[in-house]
């Protein structure tokens, strides 16, 4: 109803070998292409993430609309052990390294800032009805991934006062 607003949606990806292709037919009708990306969590391993290439037939901006991995705050171990803060930290480092290589990427939004209650997350040791993908625990404790993510964003911060100074 408001033609001044951009239209976006999370689109489907296809795979061409190690290349992720943003080619969902819905992309023709969108202004911004969203992609939910969980390589290294729901499939594959974090060490494989940076080697992925991206392509799209659309001349449109792409945002990673969701990405993340679960970690129970205070649970520590090797970086390859799922549910540890070290795994989540490693996942973020690898995903952000991949993001650096995507020339048409214009934004990224992790899933999610803070752990939250979720009846669909029932693993008794690590979830106990909490979604643990936050980089901050439900009690406010920052996990090891927090400075990785905040540092990545800080390097890309724009001082809008300078942009609109004229």
N, C-alpha and C. Protein backbone atom coordinates (compact mmCIF):
# COMPACT_ATOMS: atom_id res chain seq x y z
N UNK A 1 0.80 -1.20 0.00
CA UNK A 1 0.00 0.00 0.00
C UNK A 1 0.84 1.26 0.00
N UNK A 2 2.11 1.14 0.42
CA UNK A 2 2.99 2.31 0.48
C UNK A 2 4.17 2.07 -0.46
N UNK A 3 4.13 2.62 -1.66
CA UNK A 3 5.18 2.34 -2.65
C UNK A 3 6.55 2.90 -2.28
N UNK A 4 6.64 3.72 -1.21
CA UNK A 4 7.94 4.25 -0.82
C UNK A 4 8.73 3.26 0.04
N UNK A 5 8.09 2.19 0.50
CA UNK A 5 8.76 1.22 1.37
C UNK A 5 9.37 0.08 0.56
N UNK A 6 10.55 -0.33 0.98
CA UNK A 6 11.21 -1.47 0.33
C UNK A 6 10.51 -2.76 0.72
N UNK A 7 10.55 -3.72 -0.19
CA UNK A 7 9.96 -5.03 0.07
C UNK A 7 11.09 -6.05 0.15
N UNK A 8 11.03 -6.88 1.19
CA UNK A 8 12.05 -7.90 1.39
C UNK A 8 11.41 -9.17 1.93
N UNK A 9 12.10 -10.26 1.81
CA UNK A 9 11.66 -11.54 2.36
C UNK A 9 12.88 -12.45 2.44
N UNK A 10 12.80 -13.44 3.30
CA UNK A 10 13.83 -14.48 3.34
C UNK A 10 13.61 -15.39 2.14
N UNK A 11 14.61 -15.49 1.30
CA UNK A 11 14.49 -16.27 0.06
C UNK A 11 15.20 -17.61 0.20
N UNK A 12 14.87 -18.50 -0.70
CA UNK A 12 15.52 -19.81 -0.75
C UNK A 12 16.84 -19.71 -1.50
N UNK A 13 17.77 -20.57 -1.12
CA UNK A 13 19.06 -20.68 -1.80
C UNK A 13 19.10 -21.96 -2.60
N UNK A 14 19.89 -21.98 -3.64
CA UNK A 14 20.23 -23.23 -4.29
C UNK A 14 21.75 -23.38 -4.18
N UNK A 15 22.24 -24.56 -4.47
CA UNK A 15 23.67 -24.83 -4.33
C UNK A 15 24.23 -25.29 -5.66
N UNK A 16 25.36 -24.71 -6.00
CA UNK A 16 26.10 -25.10 -7.19
C UNK A 16 27.50 -25.46 -6.70
N UNK A 17 27.68 -26.70 -6.30
CA UNK A 17 28.94 -27.11 -5.69
C UNK A 17 29.10 -26.43 -4.35
N UNK A 18 30.17 -25.66 -4.17
CA UNK A 18 30.39 -24.94 -2.91
C UNK A 18 29.86 -23.51 -2.96
N UNK A 19 29.12 -23.18 -4.02
CA UNK A 19 28.56 -21.84 -4.17
C UNK A 19 27.10 -21.82 -3.75
N UNK A 20 26.75 -20.87 -2.89
CA UNK A 20 25.36 -20.65 -2.51
C UNK A 20 24.80 -19.62 -3.48
N UNK A 21 23.70 -19.96 -4.11
CA UNK A 21 23.13 -19.09 -5.14
C UNK A 21 21.79 -18.54 -4.65
N UNK A 22 21.71 -17.22 -4.57
CA UNK A 22 20.48 -16.53 -4.18
C UNK A 22 19.67 -16.35 -5.45
N UNK A 23 18.82 -17.35 -5.77
CA UNK A 23 18.11 -17.34 -7.05
C UNK A 23 16.63 -17.67 -6.92
N UNK A 24 16.08 -17.52 -5.72
CA UNK A 24 14.66 -17.76 -5.52
C UNK A 24 13.86 -16.90 -6.49
N UNK A 25 12.90 -17.47 -7.22
CA UNK A 25 12.11 -16.67 -8.16
C UNK A 25 11.40 -15.47 -7.51
N UNK A 26 11.14 -15.55 -6.22
CA UNK A 26 10.53 -14.42 -5.52
C UNK A 26 11.43 -13.18 -5.60
N UNK A 27 12.74 -13.39 -5.76
CA UNK A 27 13.69 -12.29 -5.84
C UNK A 27 13.36 -11.28 -6.91
N UNK A 28 12.70 -11.71 -7.98
CA UNK A 28 12.30 -10.78 -9.05
C UNK A 28 11.41 -9.66 -8.51
N UNK A 29 10.61 -9.97 -7.48
CA UNK A 29 9.62 -9.02 -6.98
C UNK A 29 10.09 -8.25 -5.74
N UNK A 30 11.29 -8.56 -5.25
CA UNK A 30 11.78 -7.94 -4.02
C UNK A 30 12.76 -6.81 -4.31
N UNK A 31 12.85 -5.89 -3.36
CA UNK A 31 13.86 -4.83 -3.44
C UNK A 31 15.16 -5.26 -2.76
N UNK A 32 15.02 -6.00 -1.66
CA UNK A 32 16.16 -6.49 -0.88
C UNK A 32 15.95 -7.99 -0.67
N UNK A 33 16.98 -8.78 -0.97
CA UNK A 33 16.88 -10.23 -0.82
C UNK A 33 17.41 -10.65 0.55
N UNK A 34 16.58 -11.30 1.33
CA UNK A 34 17.00 -11.83 2.62
C UNK A 34 17.38 -13.30 2.48
N UNK A 35 18.36 -13.72 3.27
CA UNK A 35 18.81 -15.11 3.27
C UNK A 35 19.01 -15.56 4.71
N UNK A 36 18.34 -16.61 5.12
CA UNK A 36 18.59 -17.23 6.42
C UNK A 36 19.66 -18.29 6.21
N UNK A 37 20.77 -18.17 6.91
CA UNK A 37 21.95 -18.99 6.64
C UNK A 37 22.47 -19.61 7.94
N UNK A 38 22.42 -20.93 8.01
CA UNK A 38 22.87 -21.63 9.22
C UNK A 38 23.91 -22.71 8.91
N UNK A 39 24.75 -22.47 7.90
CA UNK A 39 25.85 -23.40 7.65
C UNK A 39 26.69 -23.51 8.92
N UNK A 40 27.08 -24.70 9.28
CA UNK A 40 27.88 -24.88 10.48
C UNK A 40 27.06 -25.13 11.73
N UNK A 41 25.73 -24.98 11.61
CA UNK A 41 24.88 -25.31 12.75
C UNK A 41 23.91 -26.41 12.38
N UNK A 42 23.05 -26.18 11.40
CA UNK A 42 22.09 -27.21 10.99
C UNK A 42 22.67 -28.15 9.94
N UNK A 43 23.75 -27.72 9.30
CA UNK A 43 24.43 -28.59 8.33
C UNK A 43 25.88 -28.14 8.22
N UNK A 44 26.74 -29.07 7.89
CA UNK A 44 28.15 -28.75 7.69
C UNK A 44 28.88 -28.42 8.98
N UNK A 45 30.09 -27.90 8.81
CA UNK A 45 30.98 -27.61 9.93
C UNK A 45 31.50 -26.17 9.81
N UNK A 46 31.75 -25.52 10.93
CA UNK A 46 32.21 -24.12 10.87
C UNK A 46 33.46 -23.91 10.02
N UNK A 47 34.38 -24.87 10.04
CA UNK A 47 35.62 -24.67 9.28
C UNK A 47 35.37 -24.62 7.78
N UNK A 48 34.22 -25.14 7.31
CA UNK A 48 33.91 -25.12 5.88
C UNK A 48 33.25 -23.81 5.43
N UNK A 49 32.77 -23.02 6.36
CA UNK A 49 31.96 -21.84 6.01
C UNK A 49 32.73 -20.82 5.15
N UNK A 50 33.96 -20.42 5.53
CA UNK A 50 34.63 -19.37 4.74
C UNK A 50 34.93 -19.75 3.30
N UNK A 51 34.97 -21.05 2.99
CA UNK A 51 35.28 -21.46 1.62
C UNK A 51 34.07 -21.37 0.70
N UNK A 52 32.92 -21.06 1.22
CA UNK A 52 31.71 -20.95 0.40
C UNK A 52 31.73 -19.65 -0.39
N UNK A 53 31.36 -19.75 -1.64
CA UNK A 53 31.19 -18.59 -2.49
C UNK A 53 29.70 -18.31 -2.62
N UNK A 54 29.37 -17.10 -3.03
CA UNK A 54 27.97 -16.70 -3.21
C UNK A 54 27.80 -16.11 -4.60
N UNK A 55 26.60 -16.31 -5.15
CA UNK A 55 26.27 -15.73 -6.45
C UNK A 55 24.77 -15.41 -6.45
N UNK A 56 24.40 -14.51 -7.32
CA UNK A 56 22.98 -14.21 -7.53
C UNK A 56 22.81 -13.65 -8.93
N UNK A 57 21.72 -14.02 -9.59
CA UNK A 57 21.44 -13.42 -10.90
C UNK A 57 20.80 -12.04 -10.79
N UNK A 58 20.40 -11.67 -9.57
CA UNK A 58 19.70 -10.40 -9.37
C UNK A 58 20.70 -9.28 -9.05
N UNK A 59 20.44 -8.13 -9.58
CA UNK A 59 21.25 -6.95 -9.27
C UNK A 59 20.57 -6.20 -8.14
N UNK A 60 20.56 -6.84 -6.96
CA UNK A 60 19.85 -6.30 -5.80
C UNK A 60 20.69 -6.55 -4.55
N UNK A 61 20.51 -5.72 -3.53
CA UNK A 61 21.24 -5.96 -2.28
C UNK A 61 20.73 -7.22 -1.59
N UNK A 62 21.66 -7.88 -0.92
CA UNK A 62 21.35 -9.10 -0.15
C UNK A 62 21.71 -8.83 1.30
N UNK A 63 20.87 -9.29 2.21
CA UNK A 63 21.18 -9.27 3.63
C UNK A 63 21.06 -10.69 4.16
N UNK A 64 21.97 -11.06 5.04
CA UNK A 64 21.79 -12.32 5.76
C UNK A 64 20.82 -12.00 6.88
N UNK A 65 19.58 -12.45 6.71
CA UNK A 65 18.50 -12.07 7.62
C UNK A 65 18.50 -12.89 8.90
N UNK A 66 19.14 -14.04 8.89
CA UNK A 66 19.33 -14.84 10.10
C UNK A 66 20.61 -15.65 9.96
N UNK A 67 21.37 -15.74 11.05
CA UNK A 67 22.47 -16.69 11.15
C UNK A 67 22.80 -16.84 12.63
N UNK A 68 23.28 -18.00 13.02
CA UNK A 68 23.61 -18.19 14.42
C UNK A 68 23.84 -19.65 14.76
N UNK A 69 24.34 -19.85 15.97
CA UNK A 69 24.58 -21.18 16.52
C UNK A 69 24.34 -21.11 18.02
N UNK A 70 23.86 -22.19 18.58
CA UNK A 70 23.52 -22.21 20.00
C UNK A 70 24.72 -22.45 20.91
N UNK A 71 24.67 -21.84 22.08
CA UNK A 71 25.67 -22.06 23.13
C UNK A 71 25.02 -21.78 24.47
N UNK A 72 25.23 -22.69 25.40
CA UNK A 72 24.72 -22.45 26.76
C UNK A 72 25.77 -21.62 27.50
N UNK A 73 25.36 -20.47 28.00
CA UNK A 73 26.29 -19.59 28.71
C UNK A 73 26.98 -20.34 29.84
N UNK A 74 28.30 -20.19 29.90
CA UNK A 74 29.08 -20.85 30.94
C UNK A 74 29.51 -22.26 30.60
N UNK A 75 29.02 -22.81 29.49
CA UNK A 75 29.42 -24.15 29.06
C UNK A 75 30.62 -24.01 28.11
N UNK A 76 31.77 -24.48 28.55
CA UNK A 76 33.01 -24.30 27.80
C UNK A 76 33.60 -25.64 27.38
N UNK A 77 34.37 -25.60 26.31
CA UNK A 77 35.02 -26.79 25.80
C UNK A 77 35.72 -26.45 24.50
N UNK A 78 36.13 -27.47 23.75
CA UNK A 78 36.82 -27.24 22.48
C UNK A 78 35.90 -26.52 21.48
N UNK A 79 36.51 -25.81 20.55
CA UNK A 79 35.73 -25.04 19.57
C UNK A 79 34.91 -25.93 18.63
N UNK A 80 35.19 -27.21 18.58
CA UNK A 80 34.41 -28.12 17.74
C UNK A 80 33.31 -28.84 18.52
N UNK A 81 33.14 -28.52 19.79
CA UNK A 81 32.11 -29.16 20.61
C UNK A 81 30.85 -28.29 20.62
N UNK A 82 29.79 -28.82 20.03
CA UNK A 82 28.52 -28.08 19.94
C UNK A 82 28.03 -27.70 21.33
N UNK A 83 27.32 -26.59 21.40
CA UNK A 83 26.72 -26.03 22.60
C UNK A 83 27.71 -25.31 23.50
N UNK A 84 29.00 -25.33 23.18
CA UNK A 84 29.96 -24.58 23.99
C UNK A 84 30.02 -23.14 23.48
N UNK A 85 30.44 -22.25 24.37
CA UNK A 85 30.63 -20.87 23.94
C UNK A 85 31.73 -20.79 22.89
N UNK A 86 32.71 -21.67 22.99
CA UNK A 86 33.81 -21.69 22.02
C UNK A 86 33.31 -22.06 20.62
N UNK A 87 32.38 -23.00 20.54
CA UNK A 87 31.80 -23.37 19.24
C UNK A 87 31.07 -22.18 18.64
N UNK A 88 30.25 -21.52 19.44
CA UNK A 88 29.50 -20.38 18.95
C UNK A 88 30.44 -19.26 18.48
N UNK A 89 31.48 -19.01 19.26
CA UNK A 89 32.47 -17.99 18.89
C UNK A 89 33.13 -18.35 17.55
N UNK A 90 33.54 -19.61 17.41
CA UNK A 90 34.18 -20.10 16.19
C UNK A 90 33.22 -19.98 15.01
N UNK A 91 31.97 -20.37 15.22
CA UNK A 91 30.94 -20.26 14.19
C UNK A 91 30.84 -18.81 13.69
N UNK A 92 30.77 -17.85 14.62
CA UNK A 92 30.65 -16.44 14.23
C UNK A 92 31.90 -15.97 13.48
N UNK A 93 33.07 -16.34 13.94
CA UNK A 93 34.30 -15.94 13.23
C UNK A 93 34.29 -16.46 11.79
N UNK A 94 33.90 -17.71 11.63
CA UNK A 94 33.89 -18.32 10.31
C UNK A 94 32.81 -17.72 9.41
N UNK A 95 31.62 -17.49 9.97
CA UNK A 95 30.53 -16.91 9.18
C UNK A 95 30.86 -15.49 8.75
N UNK A 96 31.43 -14.71 9.65
CA UNK A 96 31.77 -13.33 9.30
C UNK A 96 32.92 -13.28 8.30
N UNK A 97 33.83 -14.25 8.35
CA UNK A 97 34.89 -14.33 7.33
C UNK A 97 34.27 -14.59 5.95
N UNK A 98 33.25 -15.44 5.91
CA UNK A 98 32.56 -15.69 4.65
C UNK A 98 31.84 -14.42 4.20
N UNK A 99 31.17 -13.74 5.12
CA UNK A 99 30.43 -12.53 4.78
C UNK A 99 31.33 -11.48 4.14
N UNK A 100 32.57 -11.41 4.57
CA UNK A 100 33.52 -10.44 4.02
C UNK A 100 33.74 -10.64 2.52
N UNK A 101 33.51 -11.85 2.04
CA UNK A 101 33.77 -12.18 0.63
C UNK A 101 32.55 -12.02 -0.27
N UNK A 102 31.40 -11.62 0.26
CA UNK A 102 30.19 -11.53 -0.54
C UNK A 102 30.06 -10.09 -1.04
N UNK A 103 30.35 -9.84 -2.31
CA UNK A 103 30.41 -8.46 -2.79
C UNK A 103 29.07 -7.73 -2.76
N UNK A 104 27.98 -8.45 -2.86
CA UNK A 104 26.66 -7.80 -2.90
C UNK A 104 25.96 -7.82 -1.54
N UNK A 105 26.66 -8.25 -0.48
CA UNK A 105 26.08 -8.27 0.86
C UNK A 105 25.98 -6.84 1.39
N UNK A 106 24.81 -6.48 1.89
CA UNK A 106 24.60 -5.13 2.41
C UNK A 106 24.17 -5.10 3.87
N UNK A 107 24.10 -6.27 4.51
CA UNK A 107 23.74 -6.30 5.91
C UNK A 107 23.67 -7.72 6.43
N UNK A 108 23.66 -7.83 7.76
CA UNK A 108 23.57 -9.14 8.40
C UNK A 108 22.93 -8.96 9.77
N UNK A 109 22.06 -9.89 10.12
CA UNK A 109 21.36 -9.83 11.40
C UNK A 109 21.42 -11.19 12.07
N UNK A 110 22.14 -11.29 13.18
CA UNK A 110 22.22 -12.60 13.83
C UNK A 110 20.89 -13.01 14.45
N UNK A 111 20.70 -14.30 14.55
CA UNK A 111 19.57 -14.85 15.29
C UNK A 111 20.19 -15.42 16.56
N UNK A 112 20.15 -14.80 17.61
CA UNK A 112 19.46 -13.61 18.02
C UNK A 112 20.31 -12.96 19.11
N UNK A 113 19.99 -11.76 19.54
CA UNK A 113 20.83 -11.10 20.54
C UNK A 113 20.82 -11.83 21.88
N UNK A 114 19.64 -12.16 22.40
CA UNK A 114 19.54 -12.70 23.76
C UNK A 114 18.74 -14.00 23.77
N UNK A 115 19.22 -14.96 24.54
CA UNK A 115 18.49 -16.22 24.69
C UNK A 115 17.07 -15.95 25.16
N UNK A 116 16.13 -16.76 24.67
CA UNK A 116 14.72 -16.57 25.04
C UNK A 116 14.02 -17.91 25.18
N UNK A 117 12.94 -17.93 25.95
CA UNK A 117 12.14 -19.13 26.16
C UNK A 117 11.55 -19.61 24.85
N UNK A 118 11.56 -20.94 24.65
CA UNK A 118 10.99 -21.51 23.44
C UNK A 118 10.54 -22.94 23.71
N UNK A 119 9.25 -23.21 23.61
CA UNK A 119 8.76 -24.56 23.89
C UNK A 119 9.27 -25.61 22.91
N UNK A 120 9.81 -25.19 21.78
CA UNK A 120 10.32 -26.14 20.78
C UNK A 120 11.79 -26.49 21.01
N UNK A 121 12.41 -25.95 22.02
CA UNK A 121 13.82 -26.22 22.32
C UNK A 121 13.90 -27.03 23.60
N UNK A 122 13.90 -28.35 23.45
CA UNK A 122 13.69 -29.20 24.62
C UNK A 122 14.88 -30.07 25.01
N UNK A 123 16.07 -29.84 24.43
CA UNK A 123 17.24 -30.62 24.84
C UNK A 123 17.47 -30.38 26.34
N UNK A 124 17.43 -31.41 27.18
CA UNK A 124 17.46 -31.21 28.64
C UNK A 124 18.76 -30.64 29.20
N UNK A 125 19.88 -30.87 28.53
CA UNK A 125 21.16 -30.38 29.06
C UNK A 125 21.48 -28.95 28.62
N UNK A 126 21.19 -28.64 27.37
CA UNK A 126 21.67 -27.37 26.83
C UNK A 126 20.56 -26.35 26.57
N UNK A 127 19.36 -26.82 26.32
CA UNK A 127 18.29 -25.86 26.00
C UNK A 127 17.29 -25.71 27.15
N UNK A 128 16.73 -26.80 27.62
CA UNK A 128 15.75 -26.75 28.70
C UNK A 128 14.68 -25.69 28.43
N UNK A 129 14.17 -25.73 27.18
CA UNK A 129 13.11 -24.82 26.73
C UNK A 129 13.58 -23.37 26.58
N UNK A 130 14.86 -23.21 26.20
CA UNK A 130 15.42 -21.90 25.85
C UNK A 130 16.04 -22.00 24.47
N UNK A 131 15.86 -20.99 23.65
CA UNK A 131 16.62 -20.88 22.42
C UNK A 131 17.95 -20.25 22.82
N UNK A 132 19.05 -20.98 22.62
CA UNK A 132 20.38 -20.57 23.10
C UNK A 132 21.24 -19.92 22.03
N UNK A 133 20.63 -19.46 20.94
CA UNK A 133 21.43 -18.84 19.88
C UNK A 133 21.82 -17.39 20.20
N UNK A 134 21.36 -16.85 21.30
CA UNK A 134 21.74 -15.50 21.66
C UNK A 134 23.23 -15.39 21.96
N UNK A 135 23.78 -14.20 21.75
CA UNK A 135 25.16 -13.94 22.15
C UNK A 135 25.20 -13.35 23.56
N UNK A 136 24.00 -13.19 24.14
CA UNK A 136 23.82 -12.78 25.53
C UNK A 136 22.87 -13.79 26.15
N UNK A 137 23.17 -14.26 27.35
CA UNK A 137 22.32 -15.25 28.02
C UNK A 137 21.04 -14.60 28.53
N UNK A 138 20.12 -15.42 28.99
CA UNK A 138 18.87 -14.91 29.53
C UNK A 138 19.09 -14.07 30.80
N UNK A 139 20.25 -14.23 31.44
CA UNK A 139 20.55 -13.44 32.64
C UNK A 139 21.39 -12.20 32.33
N UNK A 140 21.72 -12.01 31.05
CA UNK A 140 22.48 -10.83 30.64
C UNK A 140 23.98 -11.05 30.51
N UNK A 141 24.46 -12.27 30.72
CA UNK A 141 25.89 -12.57 30.57
C UNK A 141 26.26 -12.60 29.09
N UNK A 142 27.31 -11.86 28.72
CA UNK A 142 27.78 -11.86 27.34
C UNK A 142 28.59 -13.13 27.11
N UNK A 143 28.25 -13.84 26.05
CA UNK A 143 28.98 -15.05 25.68
C UNK A 143 30.22 -14.66 24.87
N UNK A 144 31.11 -15.63 24.64
CA UNK A 144 32.36 -15.36 23.92
C UNK A 144 32.13 -14.81 22.52
N UNK A 145 31.00 -15.13 21.90
CA UNK A 145 30.70 -14.64 20.55
C UNK A 145 30.34 -13.16 20.54
N UNK A 146 29.94 -12.61 21.68
CA UNK A 146 29.48 -11.22 21.71
C UNK A 146 30.54 -10.24 21.19
N UNK A 147 31.78 -10.26 21.70
CA UNK A 147 32.76 -9.30 21.18
C UNK A 147 33.14 -9.55 19.72
N UNK A 148 33.03 -10.78 19.25
CA UNK A 148 33.30 -11.08 17.84
C UNK A 148 32.29 -10.34 16.98
N UNK A 149 31.03 -10.49 17.33
CA UNK A 149 29.96 -9.86 16.55
C UNK A 149 29.97 -8.34 16.71
N UNK A 150 30.09 -7.85 17.93
CA UNK A 150 30.06 -6.40 18.13
C UNK A 150 31.27 -5.74 17.48
N UNK A 151 32.42 -6.40 17.49
CA UNK A 151 33.61 -5.86 16.83
C UNK A 151 33.43 -5.77 15.32
N UNK A 152 32.78 -6.78 14.75
CA UNK A 152 32.53 -6.78 13.30
C UNK A 152 31.63 -5.60 12.94
N UNK A 153 30.58 -5.39 13.71
CA UNK A 153 29.68 -4.26 13.45
C UNK A 153 30.38 -2.92 13.69
N UNK A 154 31.21 -2.84 14.72
CA UNK A 154 31.90 -1.58 15.03
C UNK A 154 32.78 -1.14 13.87
N UNK A 155 33.41 -2.09 13.18
CA UNK A 155 34.26 -1.76 12.03
C UNK A 155 33.45 -1.19 10.87
N UNK A 156 32.16 -1.46 10.86
CA UNK A 156 31.31 -1.02 9.76
C UNK A 156 30.39 0.14 10.13
N UNK A 157 30.57 0.64 11.33
CA UNK A 157 29.69 1.72 11.82
C UNK A 157 29.83 2.96 10.95
N UNK A 158 28.72 3.59 10.73
CA UNK A 158 28.66 4.83 9.95
C UNK A 158 28.24 5.95 10.89
N UNK A 159 28.96 7.06 10.80
CA UNK A 159 28.56 8.24 11.56
C UNK A 159 27.59 9.02 10.68
N UNK A 160 26.33 8.85 10.93
CA UNK A 160 25.29 9.46 10.09
C UNK A 160 25.31 10.99 10.16
N UNK A 161 25.91 11.54 11.21
CA UNK A 161 26.04 13.01 11.27
C UNK A 161 26.93 13.49 10.13
N UNK A 162 27.95 12.71 9.80
CA UNK A 162 28.83 13.09 8.69
C UNK A 162 28.14 12.89 7.35
N UNK A 163 27.35 11.82 7.24
CA UNK A 163 26.65 11.54 5.98
C UNK A 163 25.69 12.67 5.64
N UNK A 164 25.00 13.18 6.65
CA UNK A 164 23.99 14.22 6.42
C UNK A 164 24.46 15.61 6.84
N UNK A 165 25.77 15.82 6.91
CA UNK A 165 26.32 17.11 7.35
C UNK A 165 26.01 18.24 6.38
N UNK A 166 25.86 17.94 5.12
CA UNK A 166 25.61 18.99 4.12
C UNK A 166 24.21 19.41 4.22
